[in-house]
């Protein structure tokens, strides 16, 4: 069949949508665990875009983003293929945990091995059954606990194909980010596949704004790839490009009282808040080390010395 795609031994014909449950392993109770995949194959040939979420099992905004995208997509208008994996780290998702049962970070385990640790085996399975069949990828995340992030796309902006793909998403922030060892982005990039990492909100929470921006961004990206017609429900905007970020850390332990919010522009030496003791006394000022914008901050007000409190995108305030 023209434009048919085969994944995990299943053939998905043009114009068809199919759910696959690819075996991963078993819990200690011998309950089987499967990798849930939905393949939407368009009427015509085109790019093959994977969408993945919950590589960190507690980062669930992406699960809802993928659900909403799949609910809107109609195969008769689709050119190419969507391979959607809403929950990659099924073990962590069940436990509401970032990690796998052996405490490994799945996003430091790619490209994996069929004979390695649980993380390595799951990474290998994802590479073989998803990445191997794709031309582009969008991986969905949130901030790690106990922090929240402004919606942003992280990508290698030095690569022209990836840069153009990232611009098309239209996230508020576009952050240059090199590949981390063992990450899905690194493993896919080594195969020449442009990958975007979209991140917004916090773990174990649905953030309506971050979800909407993510859904619309995926449809913009598909329109750029000429996969799907796009009609926006949001105002199109130019992403603010960021080449450098920094964390402001606690100079001592105590209770944080933040005086800034996500998206707020700050000047060098401006107050970001303070750290106090439990009585609100013994105050220590938190100051911005540079001009820029608040793109992430801690949610838990209890901090120890050295804890990350506020993340700044560093740039001239005239941007």
C-alpha atoms as a PDB file:
ATOM      1  CA  UNK A   1       0.000   0.000   0.000  1.00  0.00           C
ATOM      2  CA  UNK A   2       1.226   3.484  -0.848  1.00  0.00           C
ATOM      3  CA  UNK A   3       2.192   5.520   2.228  1.00  0.00           C
ATOM      4  CA  UNK A   4       1.392   2.685   4.639  1.00  0.00           C
ATOM      5  CA  UNK A   5       3.560   2.610   7.740  1.00  0.00           C
ATOM      6  CA  UNK A   6       4.557  -0.406   9.809  1.00  0.00           C
ATOM      7  CA  UNK A   7       5.209  -0.043  13.546  1.00  0.00           C
ATOM      8  CA  UNK A   8       5.642  -2.925  15.997  1.00  0.00           C
ATOM      9  CA  UNK A   9       4.563  -5.373  13.294  1.00  0.00           C
ATOM     10  CA  UNK A  10       1.286  -3.525  12.630  1.00  0.00           C
ATOM     11  CA  UNK A  11       0.581  -1.920   9.257  1.00  0.00           C
ATOM     12  CA  UNK A  12      -1.378   1.340   9.307  1.00  0.00           C
ATOM     13  CA  UNK A  13      -2.881   2.137   5.916  1.00  0.00           C
ATOM     14  CA  UNK A  14      -3.286   5.670   4.519  1.00  0.00           C
ATOM     15  CA  UNK A  15      -6.264   7.497   6.011  1.00  0.00           C
ATOM     16  CA  UNK A  16      -6.341   5.247   9.078  1.00  0.00           C
ATOM     17  CA  UNK A  17      -5.831   5.786  12.802  1.00  0.00           C
ATOM     18  CA  UNK A  18      -4.753   2.915  15.016  1.00  0.00           C
ATOM     19  CA  UNK A  19      -3.855   2.414  18.649  1.00  0.00           C
ATOM     20  CA  UNK A  20      -0.941   0.112  19.435  1.00  0.00           C
ATOM     21  CA  UNK A  21       0.069  -1.261  22.818  1.00  0.00           C
ATOM     22  CA  UNK A  22       3.710  -2.261  22.511  1.00  0.00           C
ATOM     23  CA  UNK A  23       4.897  -4.621  25.280  1.00  0.00           C
ATOM     24  CA  UNK A  24       7.528  -3.115  27.577  1.00  0.00           C
ATOM     25  CA  UNK A  25       7.762  -5.516  30.520  1.00  0.00           C
ATOM     26  CA  UNK A  26       6.024  -6.556  33.723  1.00  0.00           C
ATOM     27  CA  UNK A  27       5.587  -5.141  37.197  1.00  0.00           C
ATOM     28  CA  UNK A  28       6.805  -7.205  40.136  1.00  0.00           C
ATOM     29  CA  UNK A  29       3.247  -8.580  40.367  1.00  0.00           C
ATOM     30  CA  UNK A  30       3.586  -9.806  36.737  1.00  0.00           C
ATOM     31  CA  UNK A  31       1.062  -7.260  35.489  1.00  0.00           C
ATOM     32  CA  UNK A  32       2.115  -6.426  31.910  1.00  0.00           C
ATOM     33  CA  UNK A  33       3.152  -2.880  31.012  1.00  0.00           C
ATOM     34  CA  UNK A  34       2.696  -1.592  27.473  1.00  0.00           C
ATOM     35  CA  UNK A  35       3.833   1.534  25.631  1.00  0.00           C
ATOM     36  CA  UNK A  36       0.650   3.231  24.342  1.00  0.00           C
ATOM     37  CA  UNK A  37       0.992   4.579  20.797  1.00  0.00           C
ATOM     38  CA  UNK A  38      -1.566   6.092  18.441  1.00  0.00           C
ATOM     39  CA  UNK A  39      -0.607   6.320  14.786  1.00  0.00           C
ATOM     40  CA  UNK A  40      -2.562   8.661  12.519  1.00  0.00           C
ATOM     41  CA  UNK A  41      -1.630   8.066   8.889  1.00  0.00           C
ATOM     42  CA  UNK A  42      -2.745  10.760   6.465  1.00  0.00           C
ATOM     43  CA  UNK A  43      -4.226  10.351   3.040  1.00  0.00           C
ATOM     44  CA  UNK A  44      -1.019  11.457   1.347  1.00  0.00           C
ATOM     45  CA  UNK A  45       2.705  11.062   1.894  1.00  0.00           C
ATOM     46  CA  UNK A  46       4.554  13.640   3.978  1.00  0.00           C
ATOM     47  CA  UNK A  47       6.689  14.122   7.078  1.00  0.00           C
ATOM     48  CA  UNK A  48       6.406  11.682   9.943  1.00  0.00           C
ATOM     49  CA  UNK A  49       6.104  13.604  13.220  1.00  0.00           C
ATOM     50  CA  UNK A  50       6.383  11.961  16.601  1.00  0.00           C
ATOM     51  CA  UNK A  51       4.794  13.557  19.672  1.00  0.00           C
ATOM     52  CA  UNK A  52       5.944  12.283  23.057  1.00  0.00           C
ATOM     53  CA  UNK A  53       5.175  13.164  26.663  1.00  0.00           C
ATOM     54  CA  UNK A  54       5.820  11.935  30.199  1.00  0.00           C
ATOM     55  CA  UNK A  55       9.375  10.761  29.560  1.00  0.00           C
ATOM     56  CA  UNK A  56       9.507  12.037  33.121  1.00  0.00           C
ATOM     57  CA  UNK A  57       6.473  10.266  34.537  1.00  0.00           C
ATOM     58  CA  UNK A  58       5.213  13.165  36.662  1.00  0.00           C
ATOM     59  CA  UNK A  59       5.269  15.743  33.834  1.00  0.00           C
ATOM     60  CA  UNK A  60       1.698  15.406  32.641  1.00  0.00           C
ATOM     61  CA  UNK A  61       0.868  18.620  30.720  1.00  0.00           C
ATOM     62  CA  UNK A  62       2.118  16.920  27.566  1.00  0.00           C
ATOM     63  CA  UNK A  63      -0.291  14.023  28.053  1.00  0.00           C
ATOM     64  CA  UNK A  64      -3.193  16.453  27.796  1.00  0.00           C
ATOM     65  CA  UNK A  65      -1.584  18.336  24.900  1.00  0.00           C
ATOM     66  CA  UNK A  66      -1.353  15.134  22.862  1.00  0.00           C
ATOM     67  CA  UNK A  67      -4.943  14.196  23.752  1.00  0.00           C
ATOM     68  CA  UNK A  68      -6.212  17.541  22.474  1.00  0.00           C
ATOM     69  CA  UNK A  69      -4.124  17.382  19.294  1.00  0.00           C
ATOM     70  CA  UNK A  70      -5.410  13.903  18.457  1.00  0.00           C
ATOM     71  CA  UNK A  71      -8.988  15.002  19.156  1.00  0.00           C
ATOM     72  CA  UNK A  72      -8.680  17.779  16.539  1.00  0.00           C
ATOM     73  CA  UNK A  73      -6.782  15.960  13.791  1.00  0.00           C
ATOM     74  CA  UNK A  74      -8.787  14.570  10.891  1.00  0.00           C
ATOM     75  CA  UNK A  75      -7.020  12.052   8.675  1.00  0.00           C
ATOM     76  CA  UNK A  76      -8.613  13.409   5.490  1.00  0.00           C
ATOM     77  CA  UNK A  77      -6.705  16.689   5.963  1.00  0.00           C
ATOM     78  CA  UNK A  78      -3.429  15.129   7.110  1.00  0.00           C
ATOM     79  CA  UNK A  79      -0.460  14.771   4.762  1.00  0.00           C
ATOM     80  CA  UNK A  80       2.089  12.499   6.397  1.00  0.00           C
ATOM     81  CA  UNK A  81       1.956  10.671   9.712  1.00  0.00           C
ATOM     82  CA  UNK A  82       1.612  11.477  13.403  1.00  0.00           C
ATOM     83  CA  UNK A  83       3.100   8.966  15.844  1.00  0.00           C
ATOM     84  CA  UNK A  84       1.806   9.943  19.286  1.00  0.00           C
ATOM     85  CA  UNK A  85       3.122   8.507  22.558  1.00  0.00           C
ATOM     86  CA  UNK A  86       1.401  10.349  25.426  1.00  0.00           C
ATOM     87  CA  UNK A  87       3.104   8.348  28.182  1.00  0.00           C
ATOM     88  CA  UNK A  88       6.639   7.146  27.489  1.00  0.00           C
ATOM     89  CA  UNK A  89       7.681   6.435  31.081  1.00  0.00           C
ATOM     90  CA  UNK A  90       4.683   4.277  31.944  1.00  0.00           C
ATOM     91  CA  UNK A  91       6.294   3.096  35.197  1.00  0.00           C
ATOM     92  CA  UNK A  92       6.903   6.630  36.451  1.00  0.00           C
ATOM     93  CA  UNK A  93       3.435   7.739  35.332  1.00  0.00           C
ATOM     94  CA  UNK A  94       1.830   5.031  37.459  1.00  0.00           C
ATOM     95  CA  UNK A  95       3.929   6.037  40.480  1.00  0.00           C
ATOM     96  CA  UNK A  96       3.584   9.803  39.795  1.00  0.00           C
ATOM     97  CA  UNK A  97       7.379   9.892  39.742  1.00  0.00           C
ATOM     98  CA  UNK A  98       9.948  11.492  37.466  1.00  0.00           C
ATOM     99  CA  UNK A  99      12.010   8.312  37.449  1.00  0.00           C
ATOM    100  CA  UNK A 100      11.785   4.642  36.628  1.00  0.00           C
ATOM    101  CA  UNK A 101      11.586   2.058  39.427  1.00  0.00           C
ATOM    102  CA  UNK A 102      15.392   1.767  39.528  1.00  0.00           C
ATOM    103  CA  UNK A 103      15.610   5.577  40.037  1.00  0.00           C
ATOM    104  CA  UNK A 104      17.116   6.097  36.604  1.00  0.00           C
ATOM    105  CA  UNK A 105      16.196   9.146  34.527  1.00  0.00           C
ATOM    106  CA  UNK A 106      14.850   7.863  31.201  1.00  0.00           C
ATOM    107  CA  UNK A 107      15.955  11.063  29.474  1.00  0.00           C
ATOM    108  CA  UNK A 108      19.578  10.276  30.313  1.00  0.00           C
ATOM    109  CA  UNK A 109      19.358   6.720  28.958  1.00  0.00           C
ATOM    110  CA  UNK A 110      19.093   7.138  25.164  1.00  0.00           C
ATOM    111  CA  UNK A 111      19.710   5.589  22.684  1.00  0.00           C
ATOM    112  CA  UNK A 112      19.478   2.617  25.000  1.00  0.00           C
ATOM    113  CA  UNK A 113      20.179  -1.072  24.609  1.00  0.00           C
ATOM    114  CA  UNK A 114      17.978  -4.168  24.252  1.00  0.00           C
ATOM    115  CA  UNK A 115      19.986  -5.872  27.008  1.00  0.00           C
ATOM    116  CA  UNK A 116      20.635  -3.031  29.465  1.00  0.00           C
ATOM    117  CA  UNK A 117      18.808  -1.618  32.467  1.00  0.00           C
ATOM    118  CA  UNK A 118      15.049  -1.057  32.422  1.00  0.00           C
ATOM    119  CA  UNK A 119      15.639   2.576  31.402  1.00  0.00           C
ATOM    120  CA  UNK A 120      18.023   1.509  28.657  1.00  0.00           C
ATOM    121  CA  UNK A 121      15.588  -1.093  27.306  1.00  0.00           C
ATOM    122  CA  UNK A 122      12.675   1.354  27.267  1.00  0.00           C
ATOM    123  CA  UNK A 123      14.827   3.991  25.537  1.00  0.00           C
ATOM    124  CA  UNK A 124      15.888   1.419  22.925  1.00  0.00           C
ATOM    125  CA  UNK A 125      12.275   0.379  22.324  1.00  0.00           C
ATOM    126  CA  UNK A 126      11.256   4.007  21.794  1.00  0.00           C
ATOM    127  CA  UNK A 127      14.113   4.578  19.370  1.00  0.00           C
ATOM    128  CA  UNK A 128      13.291   1.449  17.363  1.00  0.00           C
ATOM    129  CA  UNK A 129       9.502   1.765  17.232  1.00  0.00           C
ATOM    130  CA  UNK A 130       9.034   5.550  17.167  1.00  0.00           C
ATOM    131  CA  UNK A 131      12.140   7.584  16.332  1.00  0.00           C
ATOM    132  CA  UNK A 132      13.276   5.184  13.620  1.00  0.00           C
ATOM    133  CA  UNK A 133      10.035   5.839  11.702  1.00  0.00           C
ATOM    134  CA  UNK A 134      10.041   9.634  12.151  1.00  0.00           C
ATOM    135  CA  UNK A 135      11.411  12.632  10.265  1.00  0.00           C
ATOM    136  CA  UNK A 136      10.704  15.186  13.050  1.00  0.00           C
ATOM    137  CA  UNK A 137       9.948  15.086  16.761  1.00  0.00           C
ATOM    138  CA  UNK A 138       8.341  17.187  19.488  1.00  0.00           C
ATOM    139  CA  UNK A 139       8.995  16.087  23.066  1.00  0.00           C
ATOM    140  CA  UNK A 140       6.740  17.612  25.746  1.00  0.00           C
ATOM    141  CA  UNK A 141       7.845  18.410  29.303  1.00  0.00           C
ATOM    142  CA  UNK A 142       7.164  20.577  32.348  1.00  0.00           C
ATOM    143  CA  UNK A 143       9.533  21.928  34.955  1.00  0.00           C
ATOM    144  CA  UNK A 144      10.779  19.365  37.443  1.00  0.00           C
ATOM    145  CA  UNK A 145       9.415  19.403  40.976  1.00  0.00           C
ATOM    146  CA  UNK A 146       9.108  21.744  42.828  1.00  0.00           C
ATOM    147  CA  UNK A 147       9.392  24.383  40.086  1.00  0.00           C
ATOM    148  CA  UNK A 148       7.251  25.895  37.336  1.00  0.00           C
ATOM    149  CA  UNK A 149       8.365  27.158  33.929  1.00  0.00           C
ATOM    150  CA  UNK A 150       7.111  29.746  31.477  1.00  0.00           C
ATOM    151  CA  UNK A 151       6.114  28.043  28.185  1.00  0.00           C
ATOM    152  CA  UNK A 152       9.234  27.677  26.063  1.00  0.00           C
ATOM    153  CA  UNK A 153      10.821  25.674  23.277  1.00  0.00           C
ATOM    154  CA  UNK A 154      14.367  24.420  23.801  1.00  0.00           C
ATOM    155  CA  UNK A 155      16.293  23.392  20.718  1.00  0.00           C
ATOM    156  CA  UNK A 156      19.642  23.513  18.996  1.00  0.00           C
ATOM    157  CA  UNK A 157      19.282  26.895  17.294  1.00  0.00           C
ATOM    158  CA  UNK A 158      22.652  26.460  15.573  1.00  0.00           C
ATOM    159  CA  UNK A 159      21.109  23.852  13.273  1.00  0.00           C
ATOM    160  CA  UNK A 160      19.167  25.613  10.502  1.00  0.00           C
ATOM    161  CA  UNK A 161      16.499  22.931  10.031  1.00  0.00           C
ATOM    162  CA  UNK A 162      15.859  22.735  13.766  1.00  0.00           C
ATOM    163  CA  UNK A 163      15.861  26.539  14.094  1.00  0.00           C
ATOM    164  CA  UNK A 164      13.209  26.981  11.408  1.00  0.00           C
ATOM    165  CA  UNK A 165      11.132  24.166  12.897  1.00  0.00           C
ATOM    166  CA  UNK A 166      11.399  25.773  16.354  1.00  0.00           C
ATOM    167  CA  UNK A 167      10.409  29.213  15.069  1.00  0.00           C
ATOM    168  CA  UNK A 168       7.281  27.768  13.515  1.00  0.00           C
ATOM    169  CA  UNK A 169       6.046  26.536  16.920  1.00  0.00           C
ATOM    170  CA  UNK A 170       5.553  30.127  18.111  1.00  0.00           C
ATOM    171  CA  UNK A 171       6.231  29.594  21.827  1.00  0.00           C
ATOM    172  CA  UNK A 172       6.731  32.760  23.932  1.00  0.00           C
ATOM    173  CA  UNK A 173      10.391  31.790  24.435  1.00  0.00           C
ATOM    174  CA  UNK A 174      12.826  30.082  22.085  1.00  0.00           C
ATOM    175  CA  UNK A 175      15.903  28.984  24.033  1.00  0.00           C
ATOM    176  CA  UNK A 176      19.120  27.712  22.530  1.00  0.00           C
ATOM    177  CA  UNK A 177      19.989  24.485  24.303  1.00  0.00           C
ATOM    178  CA  UNK A 178      22.762  22.074  23.450  1.00  0.00           C
ATOM    179  CA  UNK A 179      22.090  18.363  23.694  1.00  0.00           C
ATOM    180  CA  UNK A 180      22.548  16.606  27.018  1.00  0.00           C
ATOM    181  CA  UNK A 181      24.301  13.253  27.042  1.00  0.00           C
ATOM    182  CA  UNK A 182      21.790  10.422  26.995  1.00  0.00           C
ATOM    183  CA  UNK A 183      18.834  12.624  26.106  1.00  0.00           C
ATOM    184  CA  UNK A 184      16.213  11.773  23.517  1.00  0.00           C
ATOM    185  CA  UNK A 185      17.066  14.996  21.650  1.00  0.00           C
ATOM    186  CA  UNK A 186      20.702  14.002  21.388  1.00  0.00           C
ATOM    187  CA  UNK A 187      19.903  10.480  20.194  1.00  0.00           C
ATOM    188  CA  UNK A 188      17.458  11.733  17.560  1.00  0.00           C
ATOM    189  CA  UNK A 189      19.762  14.544  16.406  1.00  0.00           C
ATOM    190  CA  UNK A 190      22.518  11.996  15.818  1.00  0.00           C
ATOM    191  CA  UNK A 191      20.184  10.461  13.229  1.00  0.00           C
ATOM    192  CA  UNK A 192      19.584  13.835  11.587  1.00  0.00           C
ATOM    193  CA  UNK A 193      16.082  14.318  13.025  1.00  0.00           C
ATOM    194  CA  UNK A 194      15.124  17.875  14.094  1.00  0.00           C
ATOM    195  CA  UNK A 195      13.624  17.745  17.599  1.00  0.00           C
ATOM    196  CA  UNK A 196      11.923  20.378  19.727  1.00  0.00           C
ATOM    197  CA  UNK A 197      11.554  20.165  23.480  1.00  0.00           C
ATOM    198  CA  UNK A 198       8.490  22.108  24.635  1.00  0.00           C
ATOM    199  CA  UNK A 199       8.325  22.838  28.337  1.00  0.00           C
ATOM    200  CA  UNK A 200       5.724  24.708  30.379  1.00  0.00           C
ATOM    201  CA  UNK A 201       4.044  24.589  33.763  1.00  0.00           C
ATOM    202  CA  UNK A 202       4.858  22.254  36.630  1.00  0.00           C
ATOM    203  CA  UNK A 203       4.832  18.547  37.424  1.00  0.00           C
ATOM    204  CA  UNK A 204       1.597  16.767  38.426  1.00  0.00           C
ATOM    205  CA  UNK A 205      -0.567  19.738  37.429  1.00  0.00           C
ATOM    206  CA  UNK A 206      -2.511  20.721  34.325  1.00  0.00           C
ATOM    207  CA  UNK A 207      -1.689  24.300  33.322  1.00  0.00           C
ATOM    208  CA  UNK A 208      -4.379  25.496  30.921  1.00  0.00           C
ATOM    209  CA  UNK A 209      -2.307  28.243  29.330  1.00  0.00           C
ATOM    210  CA  UNK A 210       0.773  26.045  28.819  1.00  0.00           C
ATOM    211  CA  UNK A 211      -1.421  23.298  27.378  1.00  0.00           C
ATOM    212  CA  UNK A 212      -3.127  25.643  24.915  1.00  0.00           C
ATOM    213  CA  UNK A 213       0.187  27.122  23.768  1.00  0.00           C
ATOM    214  CA  UNK A 214       1.529  23.585  23.303  1.00  0.00           C
ATOM    215  CA  UNK A 215      -1.469  22.426  21.275  1.00  0.00           C
ATOM    216  CA  UNK A 216      -1.425  25.485  19.030  1.00  0.00           C
ATOM    217  CA  UNK A 217       2.355  25.219  18.670  1.00  0.00           C
ATOM    218  CA  UNK A 218       2.090  21.663  17.388  1.00  0.00           C
ATOM    219  CA  UNK A 219      -0.502  22.681  14.805  1.00  0.00           C
ATOM    220  CA  UNK A 220       1.695  25.613  13.719  1.00  0.00           C
ATOM    221  CA  UNK A 221       4.641  23.236  13.372  1.00  0.00           C
ATOM    222  CA  UNK A 222       2.545  20.796  11.321  1.00  0.00           C
ATOM    223  CA  UNK A 223       1.440  23.655   9.067  1.00  0.00           C
ATOM    224  CA  UNK A 224       5.093  24.622   8.581  1.00  0.00           C
ATOM    225  CA  UNK A 225       5.837  21.010   7.614  1.00  0.00           C
ATOM    226  CA  UNK A 226       2.838  21.154   5.227  1.00  0.00           C
ATOM    227  CA  UNK A 227       1.200  18.317   7.116  1.00  0.00           C
ATOM    228  CA  UNK A 228      -2.015  19.975   8.263  1.00  0.00           C
ATOM    229  CA  UNK A 229      -3.978  23.212   7.646  1.00  0.00           C
ATOM    230  CA  UNK A 230      -3.767  25.593  10.584  1.00  0.00           C
ATOM    231  CA  UNK A 231      -6.316  28.041  11.966  1.00  0.00           C
ATOM    232  CA  UNK A 232      -5.126  29.704  15.169  1.00  0.00           C
ATOM    233  CA  UNK A 233      -7.238  30.424  18.227  1.00  0.00           C
ATOM    234  CA  UNK A 234      -4.312  32.443  19.618  1.00  0.00           C
ATOM    235  CA  UNK A 235      -2.654  35.642  18.482  1.00  0.00           C
ATOM    236  CA  UNK A 236       0.478  34.772  16.523  1.00  0.00           C
ATOM    237  CA  UNK A 237       3.604  36.137  18.123  1.00  0.00           C
ATOM    238  CA  UNK A 238       7.313  36.186  17.476  1.00  0.00           C
ATOM    239  CA  UNK A 239       9.246  34.106  19.991  1.00  0.00           C
ATOM    240  CA  UNK A 240      11.812  35.876  22.133  1.00  0.00           C
ATOM    241  CA  UNK A 241      15.112  34.165  21.347  1.00  0.00           C
ATOM    242  CA  UNK A 242      17.332  33.435  24.329  1.00  0.00           C
ATOM    243  CA  UNK A 243      20.940  32.310  24.172  1.00  0.00           C
ATOM    244  CA  UNK A 244      21.789  32.350  27.869  1.00  0.00           C
ATOM    245  CA  UNK A 245      19.938  31.500  31.078  1.00  0.00           C
ATOM    246  CA  UNK A 246      20.970  31.474  34.713  1.00  0.00           C
ATOM    247  CA  UNK A 247      19.603  30.302  38.058  1.00  0.00           C
ATOM    248  CA  UNK A 248      19.483  32.526  41.123  1.00  0.00           C
ATOM    249  CA  UNK A 249      20.209  30.328  44.138  1.00  0.00           C
ATOM    250  CA  UNK A 250      19.464  30.644  47.823  1.00  0.00           C
ATOM    251  CA  UNK A 251      22.323  32.195  49.779  1.00  0.00           C
ATOM    252  CA  UNK A 252      20.930  30.560  52.926  1.00  0.00           C
ATOM    253  CA  UNK A 253      18.111  28.289  54.011  1.00  0.00           C
ATOM    254  CA  UNK A 254      14.704  29.584  55.061  1.00  0.00           C
ATOM    255  CA  UNK A 255      11.326  30.628  53.696  1.00  0.00           C
ATOM    256  CA  UNK A 256      11.221  32.270  50.254  1.00  0.00           C
ATOM    257  CA  UNK A 257       8.913  35.221  49.626  1.00  0.00           C
ATOM    258  CA  UNK A 258       9.019  35.825  45.856  1.00  0.00           C
ATOM    259  CA  UNK A 259       8.259  39.288  44.549  1.00  0.00           C
ATOM    260  CA  UNK A 260       8.242  38.425  40.838  1.00  0.00           C
ATOM    261  CA  UNK A 261       6.203  36.201  38.526  1.00  0.00           C
ATOM    262  CA  UNK A 262       6.742  34.260  35.307  1.00  0.00           C
ATOM    263  CA  UNK A 263       7.302  36.507  32.300  1.00  0.00           C
ATOM    264  CA  UNK A 264       8.268  39.533  34.363  1.00  0.00           C
ATOM    265  CA  UNK A 265      11.184  41.574  33.044  1.00  0.00           C
ATOM    266  CA  UNK A 266      13.769  42.519  35.639  1.00  0.00           C
ATOM    267  CA  UNK A 267      16.850  44.710  35.811  1.00  0.00           C
ATOM    268  CA  UNK A 268      20.254  43.873  37.217  1.00  0.00           C
ATOM    269  CA  UNK A 269      20.304  44.189  41.033  1.00  0.00           C
ATOM    270  CA  UNK A 270      16.494  44.427  41.153  1.00  0.00           C
ATOM    271  CA  UNK A 271      14.909  42.681  44.140  1.00  0.00           C
ATOM    272  CA  UNK A 272      13.321  39.321  43.282  1.00  0.00           C
ATOM    273  CA  UNK A 273      12.098  38.690  46.809  1.00  0.00           C
ATOM    274  CA  UNK A 274      13.610  37.683  50.119  1.00  0.00           C
ATOM    275  CA  UNK A 275      14.441  34.747  52.358  1.00  0.00           C
ATOM    276  CA  UNK A 276      13.392  34.896  55.985  1.00  0.00           C
ATOM    277  CA  UNK A 277      13.128  32.661  59.013  1.00  0.00           C
ATOM    278  CA  UNK A 278       9.757  31.244  60.077  1.00  0.00           C
ATOM    279  CA  UNK A 279       8.904  34.483  61.923  1.00  0.00           C
ATOM    280  CA  UNK A 280       9.532  36.641  58.858  1.00  0.00           C
ATOM    281  CA  UNK A 281      12.651  38.026  60.464  1.00  0.00           C
ATOM    282  CA  UNK A 282      16.365  37.719  59.680  1.00  0.00           C
ATOM    283  CA  UNK A 283      15.700  38.841  56.102  1.00  0.00           C
ATOM    284  CA  UNK A 284      18.063  38.265  53.165  1.00  0.00           C
ATOM    285  CA  UNK A 285      17.375  40.013  49.853  1.00  0.00           C
ATOM    286  CA  UNK A 286      17.307  38.024  46.595  1.00  0.00           C
ATOM    287  CA  UNK A 287      18.713  40.175  43.774  1.00  0.00           C
ATOM    288  CA  UNK A 288      18.786  39.714  40.011  1.00  0.00           C
ATOM    289  CA  UNK A 289      22.333  39.155  38.697  1.00  0.00           C
ATOM    290  CA  UNK A 290      21.451  40.509  35.234  1.00  0.00           C
ATOM    291  CA  UNK A 291      18.859  42.163  33.008  1.00  0.00           C
ATOM    292  CA  UNK A 292      16.357  39.684  31.654  1.00  0.00           C
ATOM    293  CA  UNK A 293      13.092  37.852  32.226  1.00  0.00           C
ATOM    294  CA  UNK A 294      11.824  35.423  34.861  1.00  0.00           C
ATOM    295  CA  UNK A 295      11.208  32.139  33.032  1.00  0.00           C
ATOM    296  CA  UNK A 296      11.033  29.730  35.971  1.00  0.00           C
ATOM    297  CA  UNK A 297      10.843  29.712  39.727  1.00  0.00           C
ATOM    298  CA  UNK A 298      10.492  27.454  42.731  1.00  0.00           C
ATOM    299  CA  UNK A 299       6.989  26.621  43.984  1.00  0.00           C
ATOM    300  CA  UNK A 300       7.945  25.257  47.398  1.00  0.00           C
ATOM    301  CA  UNK A 301       8.792  28.232  49.652  1.00  0.00           C
ATOM    302  CA  UNK A 302      11.029  26.140  51.913  1.00  0.00           C
ATOM    303  CA  UNK A 303      14.610  26.200  50.630  1.00  0.00           C
ATOM    304  CA  UNK A 304      18.069  25.133  51.668  1.00  0.00           C
ATOM    305  CA  UNK A 305      21.265  26.984  50.945  1.00  0.00           C
ATOM    306  CA  UNK A 306      22.160  26.576  47.256  1.00  0.00           C
ATOM    307  CA  UNK A 307      18.647  25.655  46.087  1.00  0.00           C
ATOM    308  CA  UNK A 308      17.555  27.096  42.728  1.00  0.00           C
ATOM    309  CA  UNK A 309      14.950  29.815  43.300  1.00  0.00           C
ATOM    310  CA  UNK A 310      14.490  31.838  40.104  1.00  0.00           C
ATOM    311  CA  UNK A 311      15.582  31.109  36.528  1.00  0.00           C
ATOM    312  CA  UNK A 312      16.329  34.100  34.325  1.00  0.00           C
ATOM    313  CA  UNK A 313      16.649  34.454  30.574  1.00  0.00           C
ATOM    314  CA  UNK A 314      19.469  36.960  30.182  1.00  0.00           C
ATOM    315  CA  UNK A 315      19.035  39.641  27.555  1.00  0.00           C
ATOM    316  CA  UNK A 316      18.879  43.394  27.061  1.00  0.00           C
ATOM    317  CA  UNK A 317      15.541  44.787  28.249  1.00  0.00           C
ATOM    318  CA  UNK A 318      15.024  46.591  24.939  1.00  0.00           C
ATOM    319  CA  UNK A 319      14.124  43.242  23.321  1.00  0.00           C
END
